[in-house]
Amino acid sequence: MVDTLRGRGIGFQVLTGALADIDPGTADGRSMLQVVGAMGESERSLIKERARAGLDAAKAQGRTGGRPTVVDEDVLTVARGR
């Protein structure tokens, strides 16, 4: 993304945080941003895997997510007018 912006004549600079001293205009800066991006992508994948594993474990225990239903057969019969 930074390379695409640079190709369009748009600069990129990190303003705050641990990466504020990185200059993406240099080879070292670009490398560091790529490493940080790869770590972020990896972390996101781990979060998704853990969430899926948690949902699968809950399902195996017979639990399901979502809002509990308040509509039963009596309510449906009244709503249908039968």
C-alpha atoms as a PDB file:
ATOM      1  CA  MET A   1       0.000   0.000   0.000  1.00  0.00           C
ATOM      2  CA  VAL A   2       2.836   2.362   0.848  1.00  0.00           C
ATOM      3  CA  ASP A   3       4.453   1.629  -2.527  1.00  0.00           C
ATOM      4  CA  THR A   4       1.141   2.342  -4.279  1.00  0.00           C
ATOM      5  CA  LEU A   5       0.833   5.662  -2.468  1.00  0.00           C
ATOM      6  CA  ARG A   6       4.432   6.578  -3.276  1.00  0.00           C
ATOM      7  CA  GLY A   7       3.778   5.775  -6.956  1.00  0.00           C
ATOM      8  CA  ARG A   8       0.963   8.324  -6.895  1.00  0.00           C
ATOM      9  CA  GLY A   9       3.213  10.938  -5.300  1.00  0.00           C
ATOM     10  CA  ILE A  10       1.667  10.565  -1.842  1.00  0.00           C
ATOM     11  CA  GLY A  11       3.956  10.386   1.174  1.00  0.00           C
ATOM     12  CA  PHE A  12       3.419   8.178   4.219  1.00  0.00           C
ATOM     13  CA  GLN A  13       4.647   8.802   7.742  1.00  0.00           C
ATOM     14  CA  VAL A  14       3.795   7.157  11.052  1.00  0.00           C
ATOM     15  CA  LEU A  15       2.944   9.985  13.464  1.00  0.00           C
ATOM     16  CA  THR A  16       2.731   8.259  16.844  1.00  0.00           C
ATOM     17  CA  GLY A  17       3.611   5.046  18.596  1.00  0.00           C
ATOM     18  CA  ALA A  18       6.571   2.716  18.403  1.00  0.00           C
ATOM     19  CA  LEU A  19       6.815   3.048  14.623  1.00  0.00           C
ATOM     20  CA  ALA A  20       6.986   6.854  14.592  1.00  0.00           C
ATOM     21  CA  ASP A  21      10.762   6.797  13.998  1.00  0.00           C
ATOM     22  CA  ILE A  22      10.485   4.602  10.907  1.00  0.00           C
ATOM     23  CA  ASP A  23      11.023   6.328   7.571  1.00  0.00           C
ATOM     24  CA  PRO A  24       9.085   4.366   4.930  1.00  0.00           C
ATOM     25  CA  GLY A  25      11.085   6.163   2.255  1.00  0.00           C
ATOM     26  CA  THR A  26      14.147   4.044   3.039  1.00  0.00           C
ATOM     27  CA  ALA A  27      14.725   0.363   2.367  1.00  0.00           C
ATOM     28  CA  ASP A  28      15.009  -0.319   6.114  1.00  0.00           C
ATOM     29  CA  GLY A  29      11.760   1.515   6.796  1.00  0.00           C
ATOM     30  CA  ARG A  30       9.885  -0.398   4.115  1.00  0.00           C
ATOM     31  CA  SER A  31      11.252  -3.678   5.433  1.00  0.00           C
ATOM     32  CA  MET A  32      10.162  -2.821   8.959  1.00  0.00           C
ATOM     33  CA  LEU A  33       6.656  -1.922   7.798  1.00  0.00           C
ATOM     34  CA  GLN A  34       6.424  -5.230   5.929  1.00  0.00           C
ATOM     35  CA  VAL A  35       7.466  -7.140   9.044  1.00  0.00           C
ATOM     36  CA  VAL A  36       4.927  -5.270  11.173  1.00  0.00           C
ATOM     37  CA  GLY A  37       2.220  -5.915   8.572  1.00  0.00           C
ATOM     38  CA  ALA A  38       3.069  -9.621   8.453  1.00  0.00           C
ATOM     39  CA  MET A  39       2.912  -9.827  12.257  1.00  0.00           C
ATOM     40  CA  GLY A  40      -0.476  -8.098  12.261  1.00  0.00           C
ATOM     41  CA  GLU A  41      -1.794 -10.468   9.622  1.00  0.00           C
ATOM     42  CA  SER A  42      -0.504 -13.450  11.593  1.00  0.00           C
ATOM     43  CA  GLU A  43      -2.121 -12.183  14.799  1.00  0.00           C
ATOM     44  CA  ARG A  44      -5.433 -11.704  13.022  1.00  0.00           C
ATOM     45  CA  SER A  45      -5.293 -15.274  11.727  1.00  0.00           C
ATOM     46  CA  LEU A  46      -4.597 -16.586  15.225  1.00  0.00           C
ATOM     47  CA  ILE A  47      -7.542 -14.648  16.630  1.00  0.00           C
ATOM     48  CA  LYS A  48      -9.841 -16.094  13.970  1.00  0.00           C
ATOM     49  CA  GLU A  49      -8.587 -19.636  14.631  1.00  0.00           C
ATOM     50  CA  ARG A  50      -9.062 -19.276  18.385  1.00  0.00           C
ATOM     51  CA  ALA A  51     -12.547 -17.841  17.981  1.00  0.00           C
ATOM     52  CA  ARG A  52     -13.537 -20.693  15.653  1.00  0.00           C
ATOM     53  CA  ALA A  53     -12.098 -23.267  18.087  1.00  0.00           C
ATOM     54  CA  GLY A  54     -14.078 -21.693  20.934  1.00  0.00           C
ATOM     55  CA  LEU A  55     -17.306 -21.739  18.934  1.00  0.00           C
ATOM     56  CA  ASP A  56     -16.714 -25.362  17.911  1.00  0.00           C
ATOM     57  CA  ALA A  57     -16.043 -26.364  21.529  1.00  0.00           C
ATOM     58  CA  ALA A  58     -19.215 -24.617  22.702  1.00  0.00           C
ATOM     59  CA  LYS A  59     -21.225 -26.317  19.952  1.00  0.00           C
ATOM     60  CA  ALA A  60     -19.789 -29.717  20.963  1.00  0.00           C
ATOM     61  CA  GLN A  61     -21.043 -29.022  24.500  1.00  0.00           C
ATOM     62  CA  GLY A  62     -24.516 -28.300  23.163  1.00  0.00           C
ATOM     63  CA  ARG A  63     -24.372 -24.545  23.573  1.00  0.00           C
ATOM     64  CA  THR A  64     -25.336 -22.185  20.820  1.00  0.00           C
ATOM     65  CA  GLY A  65     -24.901 -18.459  20.599  1.00  0.00           C
ATOM     66  CA  GLY A  66     -27.378 -15.785  19.786  1.00  0.00           C
ATOM     67  CA  ARG A  67     -30.370 -14.291  21.461  1.00  0.00           C
ATOM     68  CA  PRO A  68     -32.703 -16.753  23.196  1.00  0.00           C
ATOM     69  CA  THR A  69     -36.015 -17.222  21.470  1.00  0.00           C
ATOM     70  CA  VAL A  70     -39.156 -15.964  23.183  1.00  0.00           C
ATOM     71  CA  VAL A  71     -41.547 -17.372  20.602  1.00  0.00           C
ATOM     72  CA  ASP A  72     -43.027 -20.771  21.418  1.00  0.00           C
ATOM     73  CA  GLU A  73     -45.916 -22.699  19.873  1.00  0.00           C
ATOM     74  CA  ASP A  74     -48.533 -20.872  22.005  1.00  0.00           C
ATOM     75  CA  VAL A  75     -47.299 -17.456  20.866  1.00  0.00           C
ATOM     76  CA  LEU A  76     -47.182 -18.625  17.248  1.00  0.00           C
ATOM     77  CA  THR A  77     -50.736 -19.953  17.450  1.00  0.00           C
ATOM     78  CA  VAL A  78     -52.022 -16.652  18.805  1.00  0.00           C
ATOM     79  CA  ALA A  79     -50.043 -14.679  16.207  1.00  0.00           C
ATOM     80  CA  ARG A  80     -51.413 -16.802  13.391  1.00  0.00           C
ATOM     81  CA  GLY A  81     -54.930 -16.402  14.756  1.00  0.00           C
ATOM     82  CA  ARG A  82     -55.679 -20.094  14.894  1.00  0.00           C
END
